[in-house]
Amino acid sequence: MVIAGAFDVIQPALNEGGMKPEDVIAYPMPAMEKGGKHHGILGGNYLVINPNATKDEQEIAFRYITFDYFTDDALKSVEDTINARKAEGKYYIPTPLEYFSGESDYAAKVKAIYEKYDNVYVYDPQLFSLLEGKTEAQFGTQDYYAAMSNVVQESFSKKGTDSKKQLDDAAKYVQENFFDKIVQE
């Protein structure tokens, strides 16, 4: 079990670790309690349009940001990347969540491309039915990750650790050193 983004784990497992797709699967973090919700953090790149800009400026900014999304050129780029991966003997691992609706015409075109190739990783559909996505924290995210990485590493490397105490200590540290210092305007 590895705790990371699905793509961040599957890509190296298949393309660098020599594993096969049938040996790798991504699911959200296990529920804390039986029958509880499974959570995953939704993060990634983002682009921002200034809310103080005029409506016309906002529209132009949106069009600029998305001018090459959902086009035939974008589809060709996906297919070219899949072919390049195939030529290298590697798998293409799509992002688990796309920027378009799975019900759209564009999604159907992407799916048709994926289905043409045997080197495209297919996520288990249960991943999405189990996942309750939570957005990544806006502030102190990397500081939180650093603190939690230490907790996880120590839990697995030191026998007899008190996980509850470790989590409480890490929460207090992050709260006092990062979250409490956020200035709200």
Protein backbone atom coordinates (compact mmCIF):
# COMPACT_ATOMS: atom_id res chain seq x y z
CA MET A 1 0.00 0.00 0.00
CA VAL A 2 1.28 3.42 -0.96
CA ILE A 3 -0.34 6.69 0.00
CA ALA A 4 -0.04 9.08 -2.94
CA GLY A 5 -1.92 10.25 -5.99
CA ALA A 6 -3.04 7.40 -8.25
CA PHE A 7 -0.97 8.56 -11.22
CA ASP A 8 2.06 9.17 -8.99
CA VAL A 9 2.08 5.51 -7.96
CA ILE A 10 0.86 3.68 -11.04
CA GLN A 11 3.17 5.40 -13.54
CA PRO A 12 6.45 4.34 -11.85
CA ALA A 13 5.08 0.91 -10.88
CA LEU A 14 4.33 0.07 -14.52
CA ASN A 15 6.95 2.05 -16.41
CA GLU A 16 9.89 1.86 -14.06
CA GLY A 17 9.13 -1.06 -11.75
CA GLY A 18 8.18 -3.57 -14.41
CA MET A 19 4.80 -4.39 -12.87
CA LYS A 20 1.79 -5.33 -14.99
CA PRO A 21 -1.56 -3.47 -14.99
CA GLU A 22 -3.34 -6.46 -13.47
CA ASP A 23 -0.99 -6.23 -10.46
CA VAL A 24 -1.59 -2.54 -9.72
CA ILE A 25 -4.81 -0.92 -8.54
CA ALA A 26 -5.72 2.47 -7.10
CA TYR A 27 -8.33 3.07 -4.44
CA PRO A 28 -8.98 5.96 -2.09
CA MET A 29 -7.58 5.78 1.43
CA PRO A 30 -9.39 3.16 3.50
CA ALA A 31 -12.27 4.30 5.65
CA MET A 32 -11.41 4.87 9.29
CA GLU A 33 -14.36 2.78 10.38
CA LYS A 34 -16.05 -0.15 8.66
CA GLY A 35 -18.73 1.22 6.38
CA GLY A 36 -17.29 4.73 6.65
CA LYS A 37 -16.42 7.02 3.79
CA HIS A 38 -13.22 6.69 1.80
CA HIS A 39 -11.51 10.00 1.22
CA GLY A 40 -9.02 11.22 -1.33
CA ILE A 41 -7.44 14.61 -1.73
CA LEU A 42 -8.12 16.37 -4.98
CA GLY A 43 -5.21 18.54 -5.99
CA GLY A 44 -3.29 19.48 -9.05
CA ASN A 45 -2.59 22.46 -11.20
CA TYR A 46 -4.91 25.37 -11.43
CA LEU A 47 -5.20 28.66 -13.23
CA VAL A 48 -6.83 31.72 -11.76
CA ILE A 49 -8.85 34.46 -13.38
CA ASN A 50 -8.90 37.73 -11.48
CA PRO A 51 -12.39 38.22 -10.03
CA ASN A 52 -11.82 41.99 -10.17
CA ALA A 53 -11.37 41.94 -13.94
CA THR A 54 -14.24 43.05 -16.15
CA LYS A 55 -16.60 40.39 -17.47
CA ASP A 56 -15.04 40.77 -20.94
CA GLU A 57 -11.51 40.39 -19.51
CA GLN A 58 -12.60 37.30 -17.58
CA GLU A 59 -14.12 35.80 -20.73
CA ILE A 60 -10.96 36.46 -22.78
CA ALA A 61 -8.77 35.03 -19.99
CA PHE A 62 -10.91 31.88 -19.89
CA ARG A 63 -10.74 31.50 -23.65
CA TYR A 64 -6.95 31.99 -23.57
CA ILE A 65 -6.50 29.37 -20.84
CA THR A 66 -8.71 26.82 -22.56
CA PHE A 67 -7.98 27.57 -26.21
CA ASP A 68 -6.26 24.24 -26.77
CA TYR A 69 -8.52 22.14 -24.53
CA PHE A 70 -11.07 19.82 -26.08
CA THR A 71 -9.83 20.22 -29.64
CA ASP A 72 -8.79 17.78 -32.33
CA ASP A 73 -5.20 18.88 -31.70
CA ALA A 74 -5.55 17.93 -28.04
CA LEU A 75 -6.89 14.51 -29.04
CA LYS A 76 -4.00 14.06 -31.47
CA SER A 77 -1.57 14.99 -28.71
CA VAL A 78 -3.05 12.30 -26.43
CA GLU A 79 -2.80 9.70 -29.18
CA ASP A 80 0.75 10.76 -30.06
CA THR A 81 1.75 10.39 -26.41
CA ILE A 82 0.17 6.93 -26.22
CA ASN A 83 2.04 5.90 -29.38
CA ALA A 84 5.33 7.28 -28.07
CA ARG A 85 4.86 5.34 -24.82
CA LYS A 86 4.07 2.19 -26.80
CA ALA A 87 7.23 2.61 -28.90
CA GLU A 88 9.21 2.78 -25.62
CA GLY A 89 7.46 -0.34 -24.29
CA LYS A 90 5.70 1.75 -21.63
CA TYR A 91 2.17 2.32 -20.48
CA TYR A 92 0.15 5.51 -20.79
CA ILE A 93 -1.53 6.33 -17.49
CA PRO A 94 -4.33 8.88 -17.84
CA THR A 95 -5.14 11.19 -14.98
CA PRO A 96 -7.91 9.66 -12.89
CA LEU A 97 -10.10 12.75 -13.04
CA GLU A 98 -10.38 14.74 -16.23
CA TYR A 99 -11.35 18.37 -16.90
CA PHE A 100 -14.37 17.31 -18.90
CA SER A 101 -17.58 15.45 -18.19
CA GLY A 102 -17.42 11.70 -18.68
CA GLU A 103 -20.74 11.97 -20.50
CA SER A 104 -19.56 14.53 -23.08
CA ASP A 105 -18.86 13.99 -26.76
CA TYR A 106 -15.23 14.86 -26.07
CA ALA A 107 -15.03 12.11 -23.43
CA ALA A 108 -16.35 9.62 -25.98
CA LYS A 109 -13.57 10.62 -28.37
CA VAL A 110 -10.92 10.22 -25.65
CA LYS A 111 -12.35 6.83 -24.67
CA ALA A 112 -12.28 5.69 -28.31
CA ILE A 113 -8.59 6.57 -28.47
CA TYR A 114 -7.83 4.75 -25.21
CA GLU A 115 -9.67 1.64 -26.41
CA LYS A 116 -7.50 1.41 -29.53
CA TYR A 117 -4.37 0.69 -27.48
CA ASP A 118 -3.32 -2.09 -25.15
CA ASN A 119 -0.86 0.12 -23.28
CA VAL A 120 -3.43 2.48 -21.73
CA TYR A 121 -3.98 1.83 -18.02
CA VAL A 122 -7.64 1.47 -17.06
CA TYR A 123 -8.67 2.47 -13.54
CA ASP A 124 -11.03 0.19 -11.64
CA PRO A 125 -14.43 1.93 -11.80
CA GLN A 126 -14.84 1.31 -8.05
CA LEU A 127 -12.15 3.93 -7.44
CA PHE A 128 -14.63 6.62 -8.40
CA SER A 129 -17.67 5.12 -6.68
CA LEU A 130 -15.74 4.82 -3.40
CA LEU A 131 -14.04 8.19 -3.54
CA GLU A 132 -15.32 11.21 -1.70
CA GLY A 133 -12.92 13.86 -2.87
CA LYS A 134 -11.77 16.61 -0.58
CA THR A 135 -9.96 19.63 -1.96
CA GLU A 136 -6.35 20.11 -0.99
CA ALA A 137 -5.76 22.68 1.75
CA GLN A 138 -5.14 26.19 0.45
CA PHE A 139 -2.48 27.09 3.01
CA GLY A 140 0.41 25.15 4.57
CA THR A 141 -0.24 22.10 2.44
CA GLN A 142 3.39 21.12 1.91
CA ASP A 143 4.16 21.80 5.58
CA TYR A 144 1.31 19.48 6.56
CA TYR A 145 2.56 16.81 4.14
CA ALA A 146 6.08 17.07 5.57
CA ALA A 147 4.82 16.59 9.13
CA MET A 148 2.56 13.69 8.14
CA SER A 149 5.34 12.00 6.15
CA ASN A 150 7.38 11.83 9.33
CA VAL A 151 4.44 10.33 11.23
CA VAL A 152 3.81 7.68 8.56
CA GLN A 153 7.50 6.78 8.23
CA GLU A 154 7.95 6.46 11.97
CA SER A 155 4.78 4.37 12.31
CA PHE A 156 6.13 1.86 9.82
CA SER A 157 9.80 1.94 10.85
CA LYS A 158 9.71 2.02 14.66
CA LYS A 159 8.10 -0.77 16.60
CA GLY A 160 5.77 0.26 19.40
CA THR A 161 5.06 3.80 18.26
CA ASP A 162 1.97 5.49 19.67
CA SER A 163 0.21 6.51 16.46
CA LYS A 164 -2.47 8.52 18.25
CA LYS A 165 0.18 10.56 20.08
CA GLN A 166 2.17 11.03 16.86
CA LEU A 167 -0.90 12.31 15.04
CA ASP A 168 -1.86 14.60 17.92
CA ASP A 169 1.69 16.00 18.12
CA ALA A 170 1.85 16.54 14.34
CA ALA A 171 -1.57 18.23 14.33
CA LYS A 172 -0.51 20.55 17.15
CA TYR A 173 2.80 21.36 15.42
CA VAL A 174 1.18 22.18 12.07
CA GLN A 175 -1.63 24.14 13.72
CA GLU A 176 0.69 26.30 15.85
CA ASN A 177 3.50 26.78 13.33
CA PHE A 178 1.53 27.21 10.13
CA PHE A 179 -2.25 27.43 10.35
CA ASP A 180 -2.37 29.81 13.31
CA LYS A 181 -0.05 32.19 11.44
CA ILE A 182 -2.38 32.60 8.48
CA VAL A 183 -3.63 36.17 8.34
CA GLN A 184 -7.17 36.51 7.06
CA GLU A 185 -8.09 39.77 5.43
